[in-house]
Each structure stands twice: as C-alpha cells, then as structure tokens.
Amino acid sequence: MASENNAQVLVAGLNKTKKLLAAGQASKVYLATDADAGIASLINALCEEKNVPVEMTKTKAELSELCGIEVGCAVCTLIK
C-alpha cells in the first residue's frame, strides 16, 4: 500500500475514517468482510457521498494486523 516515491498512510478506525472522509482526506476505504452491517452501511453511504472507493477486504483481525493494532478493525482509510 505504499510506493517508494509516495508513501501512503493507512489509518484504522471508524471515527478516524469518518473525520478523514468529512475533511476530504481519504483516498480509499477498506471495509472488513465481517464488519457489522450498521458500520458497513454507514461507511458505504459516506464514501458514496464523498466519491471515495470502498474495498471489501480481509477480516477485522487481518485489517488490524495490517494497521499494526491489537484490536479488531472493521474499517481503515488510506490518506491522500
């Protein structure tokens, strides 16, 4: 998720994702395949509103590992 010349940052969590979307700083959102339906619905609506792509990927455990955190992560965001 990072290139040699333009490293990108992956930020974990629903609240941070909502803030990044509102600020126009999200380039892509990753949603866990086992995320709660309410979270998935909210994220899909916000991303559609802001025209940010959403990728259903991995489980919450796998996303948390990618983000380097020890708790399950339903959603994470790639910052522009």
C-alpha atoms as a PDB file:
ATOM      1  CA  MET A   1       0.000   0.000   0.000  1.00  0.00           C
ATOM      2  CA  ALA A   2       2.964   2.299  -0.261  1.00  0.00           C
ATOM      3  CA  SER A   3       5.283   3.173  -3.084  1.00  0.00           C
ATOM      4  CA  GLU A   4       8.931   4.192  -2.992  1.00  0.00           C
ATOM      5  CA  ASN A   5       8.306   7.810  -4.003  1.00  0.00           C
ATOM      6  CA  ASN A   6       4.910   8.452  -2.454  1.00  0.00           C
ATOM      7  CA  ALA A   7       4.349   6.615   0.823  1.00  0.00           C
ATOM      8  CA  GLN A   8       0.709   6.457   1.842  1.00  0.00           C
ATOM      9  CA  VAL A   9      -0.598   6.178   5.386  1.00  0.00           C
ATOM     10  CA  LEU A  10      -3.235   3.685   6.499  1.00  0.00           C
ATOM     11  CA  VAL A  11      -5.368   4.877   9.434  1.00  0.00           C
ATOM     12  CA  ALA A  12      -7.526   2.471  11.454  1.00  0.00           C
ATOM     13  CA  GLY A  13     -10.934   3.042  12.983  1.00  0.00           C
ATOM     14  CA  LEU A  14     -14.464   4.183  12.273  1.00  0.00           C
ATOM     15  CA  ASN A  15     -14.224   7.603  13.942  1.00  0.00           C
ATOM     16  CA  LYS A  16     -10.961   8.495  12.226  1.00  0.00           C
ATOM     17  CA  THR A  17     -12.376   7.299   8.909  1.00  0.00           C
ATOM     18  CA  LYS A  18     -15.450   9.488   9.318  1.00  0.00           C
ATOM     19  CA  LYS A  19     -13.261  12.519  10.092  1.00  0.00           C
ATOM     20  CA  LEU A  20     -10.974  11.866   7.113  1.00  0.00           C
ATOM     21  CA  LEU A  21     -13.958  11.474   4.783  1.00  0.00           C
ATOM     22  CA  ALA A  22     -15.524  14.710   6.069  1.00  0.00           C
ATOM     23  CA  ALA A  23     -12.231  16.559   5.562  1.00  0.00           C
ATOM     24  CA  GLY A  24     -11.762  15.197   2.042  1.00  0.00           C
ATOM     25  CA  GLN A  25      -8.516  13.475   3.015  1.00  0.00           C
ATOM     26  CA  ALA A  26      -9.475   9.863   2.281  1.00  0.00           C
ATOM     27  CA  SER A  27      -8.329   8.331  -0.991  1.00  0.00           C
ATOM     28  CA  LYS A  28      -9.687   4.823  -0.355  1.00  0.00           C
ATOM     29  CA  VAL A  29     -11.501   2.999   2.441  1.00  0.00           C
ATOM     30  CA  TYR A  30     -11.046  -0.673   3.313  1.00  0.00           C
ATOM     31  CA  LEU A  31     -14.002  -2.394   4.957  1.00  0.00           C
ATOM     32  CA  ALA A  32     -13.674  -5.765   6.674  1.00  0.00           C
ATOM     33  CA  THR A  33     -15.805  -8.553   5.239  1.00  0.00           C
ATOM     34  CA  ASP A  34     -17.027  -9.358   8.753  1.00  0.00           C
ATOM     35  CA  ALA A  35     -17.833  -5.758   9.761  1.00  0.00           C
ATOM     36  CA  ASP A  36     -21.186  -5.143  11.439  1.00  0.00           C
ATOM     37  CA  ALA A  37     -23.981  -4.329   8.996  1.00  0.00           C
ATOM     38  CA  GLY A  38     -24.534  -0.898  10.574  1.00  0.00           C
ATOM     39  CA  ILE A  39     -20.897   0.076  10.134  1.00  0.00           C
ATOM     40  CA  ALA A  40     -20.837  -1.230   6.573  1.00  0.00           C
ATOM     41  CA  SER A  41     -23.988   0.699   5.698  1.00  0.00           C
ATOM     42  CA  LEU A  42     -22.667   3.930   7.216  1.00  0.00           C
ATOM     43  CA  ILE A  43     -19.268   3.667   5.545  1.00  0.00           C
ATOM     44  CA  ASN A  44     -20.762   2.820   2.160  1.00  0.00           C
ATOM     45  CA  ALA A  45     -23.110   5.835   2.369  1.00  0.00           C
ATOM     46  CA  LEU A  46     -20.357   8.248   3.443  1.00  0.00           C
ATOM     47  CA  CYS A  47     -17.974   7.013   0.775  1.00  0.00           C
ATOM     48  CA  GLU A  48     -20.630   7.281  -1.914  1.00  0.00           C
ATOM     49  CA  GLU A  49     -21.376  10.839  -0.791  1.00  0.00           C
ATOM     50  CA  LYS A  50     -17.685  11.795  -0.943  1.00  0.00           C
ATOM     51  CA  ASN A  51     -16.964   9.721  -4.075  1.00  0.00           C
ATOM     52  CA  VAL A  52     -14.316   7.628  -2.295  1.00  0.00           C
ATOM     53  CA  PRO A  53     -13.885   3.992  -3.336  1.00  0.00           C
ATOM     54  CA  VAL A  54     -14.612   1.259  -0.790  1.00  0.00           C
ATOM     55  CA  GLU A  55     -12.922  -2.122  -0.981  1.00  0.00           C
ATOM     56  CA  MET A  56     -14.385  -5.059   0.933  1.00  0.00           C
ATOM     57  CA  THR A  57     -11.308  -6.892   2.064  1.00  0.00           C
ATOM     58  CA  LYS A  58      -9.982  -9.216   4.705  1.00  0.00           C
ATOM     59  CA  THR A  59     -11.433  -9.834   8.140  1.00  0.00           C
ATOM     60  CA  LYS A  60     -11.322  -7.453  11.087  1.00  0.00           C
ATOM     61  CA  ALA A  61      -8.391  -9.437  12.504  1.00  0.00           C
ATOM     62  CA  GLU A  62      -6.453  -9.196   9.229  1.00  0.00           C
ATOM     63  CA  LEU A  63      -7.127  -5.457   8.873  1.00  0.00           C
ATOM     64  CA  SER A  64      -5.962  -4.829  12.441  1.00  0.00           C
ATOM     65  CA  GLU A  65      -2.743  -6.682  11.688  1.00  0.00           C
ATOM     66  CA  LEU A  66      -2.175  -4.538   8.575  1.00  0.00           C
ATOM     67  CA  CYS A  67      -2.754  -1.399  10.645  1.00  0.00           C
ATOM     68  CA  GLY A  68      -0.470  -2.564  13.442  1.00  0.00           C
ATOM     69  CA  ILE A  69      -3.088  -2.554  16.185  1.00  0.00           C
ATOM     70  CA  GLU A  70      -4.056  -5.299  18.622  1.00  0.00           C
ATOM     71  CA  VAL A  71      -7.865  -4.993  18.480  1.00  0.00           C
ATOM     72  CA  GLY A  72     -10.214  -5.855  15.638  1.00  0.00           C
ATOM     73  CA  CYS A  73     -10.531  -3.203  12.948  1.00  0.00           C
ATOM     74  CA  ALA A  74     -13.701  -3.048  10.843  1.00  0.00           C
ATOM     75  CA  VAL A  75     -12.579  -0.135   8.697  1.00  0.00           C
ATOM     76  CA  CYS A  76      -9.397   1.672   7.788  1.00  0.00           C
ATOM     77  CA  THR A  77      -8.579   4.518   5.435  1.00  0.00           C
ATOM     78  CA  LEU A  78      -5.797   5.339   3.052  1.00  0.00           C
ATOM     79  CA  ILE A  79      -4.923   9.030   3.355  1.00  0.00           C
ATOM     80  CA  LYS A  80      -4.355  11.114   0.215  1.00  0.00           C
END
